[in-house]
C-alpha atoms as a PDB file:
ATOM      1  CA  MET A   1      -0.005   0.012   0.046  1.00  0.00           C
ATOM      2  CA  GLU A   2       1.586   3.317  -1.161  1.00  0.00           C
ATOM      3  CA  TYR A   3       1.302   6.176   1.226  1.00  0.00           C
ATOM      4  CA  SER A   4       4.728   7.926   0.884  1.00  0.00           C
ATOM      5  CA  HIS A   5       3.189  10.830  -1.046  1.00  0.00           C
ATOM      6  CA  LEU A   6       0.893  11.697   1.945  1.00  0.00           C
ATOM      7  CA  THR A   7       2.678  14.488   3.976  1.00  0.00           C
ATOM      8  CA  CYS A   8      -0.234  14.872   6.633  1.00  0.00           C
ATOM      9  CA  ALA A   9       0.183  12.731   9.595  1.00  0.00           C
ATOM     10  CA  ILE A  10      -3.482  12.167   9.977  1.00  0.00           C
ATOM     11  CA  ALA A  11      -3.719  11.110   6.299  1.00  0.00           C
ATOM     12  CA  ARG A  12      -1.018   8.670   6.635  1.00  0.00           C
ATOM     13  CA  SER A  13      -2.534   7.179   9.926  1.00  0.00           C
ATOM     14  CA  THR A  14      -5.987   6.851   8.348  1.00  0.00           C
ATOM     15  CA  ASN A  15      -4.401   5.144   5.383  1.00  0.00           C
ATOM     16  CA  MET A  16      -2.513   2.642   7.427  1.00  0.00           C
ATOM     17  CA  LEU A  17      -5.131   2.153  10.267  1.00  0.00           C
ATOM     18  CA  GLY A  18      -8.320   3.328   8.536  1.00  0.00           C
ATOM     19  CA  ASP A  19      -9.514  -0.072   7.461  1.00  0.00           C
ATOM     20  CA  SER A  20     -11.381  -1.711  10.418  1.00  0.00           C
ATOM     21  CA  TRP A  21      -9.837  -5.104   9.721  1.00  0.00           C
ATOM     22  CA  THR A  22      -6.427  -3.742  10.428  1.00  0.00           C
ATOM     23  CA  LEU A  23      -7.423  -2.482  13.876  1.00  0.00           C
ATOM     24  CA  LEU A  24      -9.471  -5.646  14.663  1.00  0.00           C
ATOM     25  CA  ILE A  25      -6.411  -7.802  13.710  1.00  0.00           C
ATOM     26  CA  LEU A  26      -4.057  -5.725  15.848  1.00  0.00           C
ATOM     27  CA  ARG A  27      -6.627  -5.986  18.590  1.00  0.00           C
ATOM     28  CA  ASP A  28      -6.689  -9.857  18.371  1.00  0.00           C
ATOM     29  CA  MET A  29      -2.930  -9.886  18.093  1.00  0.00           C
ATOM     30  CA  LEU A  30      -2.188  -7.522  21.101  1.00  0.00           C
ATOM     31  CA  CYS A  31      -5.180  -8.017  23.449  1.00  0.00           C
ATOM     32  CA  HIS A  32      -5.934 -11.671  22.804  1.00  0.00           C
ATOM     33  CA  LYS A  33      -2.524 -13.067  21.747  1.00  0.00           C
ATOM     34  CA  GLN A  34      -3.734 -14.425  18.381  1.00  0.00           C
ATOM     35  CA  SER A  35      -0.972 -15.143  15.775  1.00  0.00           C
ATOM     36  CA  LYS A  36      -2.150 -17.491  13.161  1.00  0.00           C
ATOM     37  CA  PHE A  37      -4.447 -17.045  10.049  1.00  0.00           C
ATOM     38  CA  LYS A  38      -7.103 -19.558  11.580  1.00  0.00           C
ATOM     39  CA  HIS A  39      -7.194 -17.443  14.671  1.00  0.00           C
ATOM     40  CA  PHE A  40      -8.028 -14.306  12.809  1.00  0.00           C
ATOM     41  CA  LYS A  41     -10.439 -16.163  10.680  1.00  0.00           C
ATOM     42  CA  SER A  42     -12.343 -17.377  13.602  1.00  0.00           C
ATOM     43  CA  SER A  43     -12.903 -14.020  14.984  1.00  0.00           C
ATOM     44  CA  LYS A  44     -16.388 -13.020  15.906  1.00  0.00           C
ATOM     45  CA  GLU A  45     -16.258 -10.299  13.212  1.00  0.00           C
ATOM     46  CA  LYS A  46     -16.236 -13.095  10.497  1.00  0.00           C
ATOM     47  CA  ILE A  47     -13.589 -11.829   8.039  1.00  0.00           C
ATOM     48  CA  ALA A  48     -13.594 -13.379   4.711  1.00  0.00           C
ATOM     49  CA  SER A  49     -10.526 -15.403   3.926  1.00  0.00           C
ATOM     50  CA  ASN A  50      -9.570 -13.439   0.744  1.00  0.00           C
ATOM     51  CA  ILE A  51      -9.933 -10.081   2.758  1.00  0.00           C
ATOM     52  CA  LEU A  52      -7.862 -11.535   5.680  1.00  0.00           C
ATOM     53  CA  THR A  53      -5.101 -12.669   3.251  1.00  0.00           C
ATOM     54  CA  ASN A  54      -4.922  -9.249   1.530  1.00  0.00           C
ATOM     55  CA  ARG A  55      -5.022  -7.383   4.927  1.00  0.00           C
ATOM     56  CA  LEU A  56      -2.302  -9.375   6.365  1.00  0.00           C
ATOM     57  CA  LYS A  57      -0.170  -8.837   3.242  1.00  0.00           C
ATOM     58  CA  SER A  58      -0.870  -5.037   3.474  1.00  0.00           C
ATOM     59  CA  MET A  59      -0.052  -5.030   7.133  1.00  0.00           C
ATOM     60  CA  LEU A  60       3.347  -6.905   6.421  1.00  0.00           C
ATOM     61  CA  GLU A  61       4.198  -4.393   3.652  1.00  0.00           C
ATOM     62  CA  MET A  62       3.307  -1.495   6.128  1.00  0.00           C
ATOM     63  CA  GLY A  63       5.641  -2.920   8.741  1.00  0.00           C
ATOM     64  CA  LEU A  64       2.828  -3.337  11.339  1.00  0.00           C
ATOM     65  CA  ILE A  65       3.333  -7.140  11.640  1.00  0.00           C
ATOM     66  CA  GLU A  66       6.029  -9.640  10.664  1.00  0.00           C
ATOM     67  CA  LYS A  67       6.183 -13.270  10.025  1.00  0.00           C
ATOM     68  CA  LEU A  68       8.004 -14.963  13.026  1.00  0.00           C
ATOM     69  CA  ASP A  69       9.303 -17.753  10.706  1.00  0.00           C
ATOM     70  CA  PRO A  70       9.284 -16.560   7.112  1.00  0.00           C
ATOM     71  CA  GLU A  71      10.723 -19.739   5.748  1.00  0.00           C
ATOM     72  CA  GLY A  72       8.299 -21.921   7.617  1.00  0.00           C
ATOM     73  CA  SER A  73       5.290 -23.460   5.768  1.00  0.00           C
ATOM     74  CA  LYS A  74       2.268 -21.489   4.865  1.00  0.00           C
ATOM     75  CA  LYS A  75       0.052 -23.374   7.339  1.00  0.00           C
ATOM     76  CA  SER A  76       2.447 -22.850  10.148  1.00  0.00           C
ATOM     77  CA  THR A  77       2.865 -19.078   9.467  1.00  0.00           C
ATOM     78  CA  THR A  78       2.984 -17.093  12.780  1.00  0.00           C
ATOM     79  CA  TYR A  79       2.354 -13.291  12.673  1.00  0.00           C
ATOM     80  CA  ILE A  80       3.689 -11.006  15.377  1.00  0.00           C
ATOM     81  CA  VAL A  81       3.243  -7.346  15.755  1.00  0.00           C
ATOM     82  CA  THR A  82       6.135  -4.964  15.301  1.00  0.00           C
ATOM     83  CA  GLN A  83       6.896  -2.053  17.455  1.00  0.00           C
ATOM     84  CA  ARG A  84       5.180  -0.025  14.808  1.00  0.00           C
ATOM     85  CA  GLY A  85       2.052  -2.044  15.335  1.00  0.00           C
ATOM     86  CA  ILE A  86       2.281  -2.007  19.024  1.00  0.00           C
ATOM     87  CA  GLU A  87       2.233   1.990  18.688  1.00  0.00           C
ATOM     88  CA  ALA A  88      -1.427   1.547  17.494  1.00  0.00           C
ATOM     89  CA  LEU A  89      -2.554   0.102  20.772  1.00  0.00           C
ATOM     90  CA  PRO A  90      -3.450   3.628  22.187  1.00  0.00           C
ATOM     91  CA  VAL A  91      -5.526   4.360  19.066  1.00  0.00           C
ATOM     92  CA  ILE A  92      -7.328   1.153  19.502  1.00  0.00           C
ATOM     93  CA  CYS A  93      -7.891   1.837  23.301  1.00  0.00           C
ATOM     94  CA  GLN A  94      -9.180   5.306  22.587  1.00  0.00           C
ATOM     95  CA  MET A  95     -11.633   4.044  19.939  1.00  0.00           C
ATOM     96  CA  TYR A  96     -12.740   1.699  22.665  1.00  0.00           C
ATOM     97  CA  LEU A  97     -13.318   4.264  25.171  1.00  0.00           C
ATOM     98  CA  PHE A  98     -15.210   6.359  22.533  1.00  0.00           C
ATOM     99  CA  SER A  99     -17.894   3.881  22.026  1.00  0.00           C
ATOM    100  CA  ILE A 100     -18.014   1.348  24.937  1.00  0.00           C
ATOM    101  CA  ASP A 101     -20.677   3.306  26.697  1.00  0.00           C
ATOM    102  CA  THR A 102     -23.053   3.095  23.764  1.00  0.00           C
ATOM    103  CA  ILE A 103     -23.084  -0.615  24.046  1.00  0.00           C
ATOM    104  CA  ASP A 104     -25.810  -2.175  26.467  1.00  0.00           C
ATOM    105  CA  GLU A 105     -24.020  -4.117  28.917  1.00  0.00           C
ATOM    106  CA  SER A 106     -26.395  -6.959  28.898  1.00  0.00           C
ATOM    107  CA  LEU A 107     -24.861  -7.803  25.554  1.00  0.00           C
ATOM    108  CA  LEU A 108     -21.314  -8.104  26.926  1.00  0.00           C
ATOM    109  CA  ASN A 109     -19.766 -11.338  28.174  1.00  0.00           C
ATOM    110  CA  ASP A 110     -17.807 -11.559  31.379  1.00  0.00           C
ATOM    111  CA  MET A 111     -14.455 -11.171  29.511  1.00  0.00           C
ATOM    112  CA  GLN A 112     -15.850  -7.965  27.739  1.00  0.00           C
ATOM    113  CA  MET A 113     -17.081  -6.564  31.180  1.00  0.00           C
ATOM    114  CA  ASP A 114     -13.573  -7.228  32.573  1.00  0.00           C
ATOM    115  CA  ILE A 115     -11.850  -5.496  29.748  1.00  0.00           C
ATOM    116  CA  LYS A 116     -14.419  -2.467  30.071  1.00  0.00           C
ATOM    117  CA  LYS A 117     -13.552  -2.236  33.690  1.00  0.00           C
ATOM    118  CA  GLN A 118      -9.766  -2.346  33.173  1.00  0.00           C
ATOM    119  CA  ILE A 119      -9.668   0.112  30.348  1.00  0.00           C
ATOM    120  CA  LYS A 120     -12.103   2.525  31.975  1.00  0.00           C
ATOM    121  CA  ASP A 121     -10.372   2.271  35.337  1.00  0.00           C
ATOM    122  CA  ASP A 122      -6.893   3.007  33.924  1.00  0.00           C
ATOM    123  CA  HIS A 123      -6.337   2.789  30.153  1.00  0.00           C
ATOM    124  CA  LEU A 124      -2.706   3.647  30.353  1.00  0.00           C
ATOM    125  CA  GLY A 125      -2.220   0.919  32.755  1.00  0.00           C
ATOM    126  CA  PHE A 126      -4.172  -1.455  30.582  1.00  0.00           C
ATOM    127  CA  GLN A 127      -1.956  -0.617  27.572  1.00  0.00           C
ATOM    128  CA  LYS A 128       1.323  -1.129  29.557  1.00  0.00           C
ATOM    129  CA  LYS A 129      -0.032  -4.505  30.854  1.00  0.00           C
ATOM    130  CA  LYS A 130      -1.011  -5.695  27.442  1.00  0.00           C
ATOM    131  CA  ILE A 131       2.223  -4.588  25.823  1.00  0.00           C
ATOM    132  CA  THR A 132       4.180  -6.436  28.572  1.00  0.00           C
ATOM    133  CA  GLU A 133       2.112  -9.487  28.311  1.00  0.00           C
ATOM    134  CA  TYR A 134       2.481  -9.397  24.402  1.00  0.00           C
ATOM    135  CA  HIS A 135       6.287  -9.360  24.610  1.00  0.00           C
ATOM    136  CA  VAL A 136       6.217 -12.325  26.902  1.00  0.00           C
ATOM    137  CA  PHE A 137       3.877 -14.033  24.517  1.00  0.00           C
ATOM    138  CA  VAL A 138       6.264 -13.319  21.599  1.00  0.00           C
ATOM    139  CA  GLU A 139       9.298 -14.522  23.449  1.00  0.00           C
ATOM    140  CA  ASP A 140       7.516 -17.790  24.259  1.00  0.00           C
ATOM    141  CA  LEU A 141       6.576 -18.233  20.559  1.00  0.00           C
ATOM    142  CA  LYS A 142      10.212 -17.649  19.722  1.00  0.00           C
ATOM    143  CA  SER A 143      11.360 -20.072  22.232  1.00  0.00           C
ATOM    144  CA  GLU A 144       9.044 -22.722  20.868  1.00  0.00           C
ATOM    145  CA  LEU A 145      10.124 -22.209  17.389  1.00  0.00           C
ATOM    146  CA  HIS A 146      13.680 -22.297  18.347  1.00  0.00           C
ATOM    147  CA  ALA A 147      13.053 -25.757  20.212  1.00  0.00           C
ATOM    148  CA  LEU A 148      11.107 -27.087  17.423  1.00  0.00           C
ATOM    149  CA  LYS A 149      13.977 -26.226  14.992  1.00  0.00           C
ATOM    150  CA  GLN A 150      16.631 -27.751  17.355  1.00  0.00           C
ATOM    151  CA  SER A 151      14.531 -30.987  17.534  1.00  0.00           C
ATOM    152  CA  LYS A 152      14.460 -31.292  13.790  1.00  0.00           C
ATOM    153  CA  LYS A 153      18.353 -31.232  13.674  1.00  0.00           C
END
């Protein structure tokens, strides 16, 4: 996705993050520790496979995500968020805060109610916690991949 001609920071941001799928995929990765195509595909928002494939490709090109093992098989592809992608978490949280009070709480499950409480009580603390948890998750994925490669030698 080409955006180098955009000289307005807001225009660049909306070009990168303006597609709802990008933010939902980043949400799933950062907040729910999802990392595989099948995980994103099974999200409650029901993204079509072809759209998901295109969105992941675009996110790779924009540097928001990367493949943990680029030489691995297509089926085993694991995606992780880059530092650039992590920087979108405050945007995701602000969008959440913007609309959460418009959703009838009787429609929310226990996990959603817990997230609502956490973000509303301390959204900066929530972000720091999610980033820390995500870094641990990625380190665990890397360790598993390393162990798997060592066992194949």
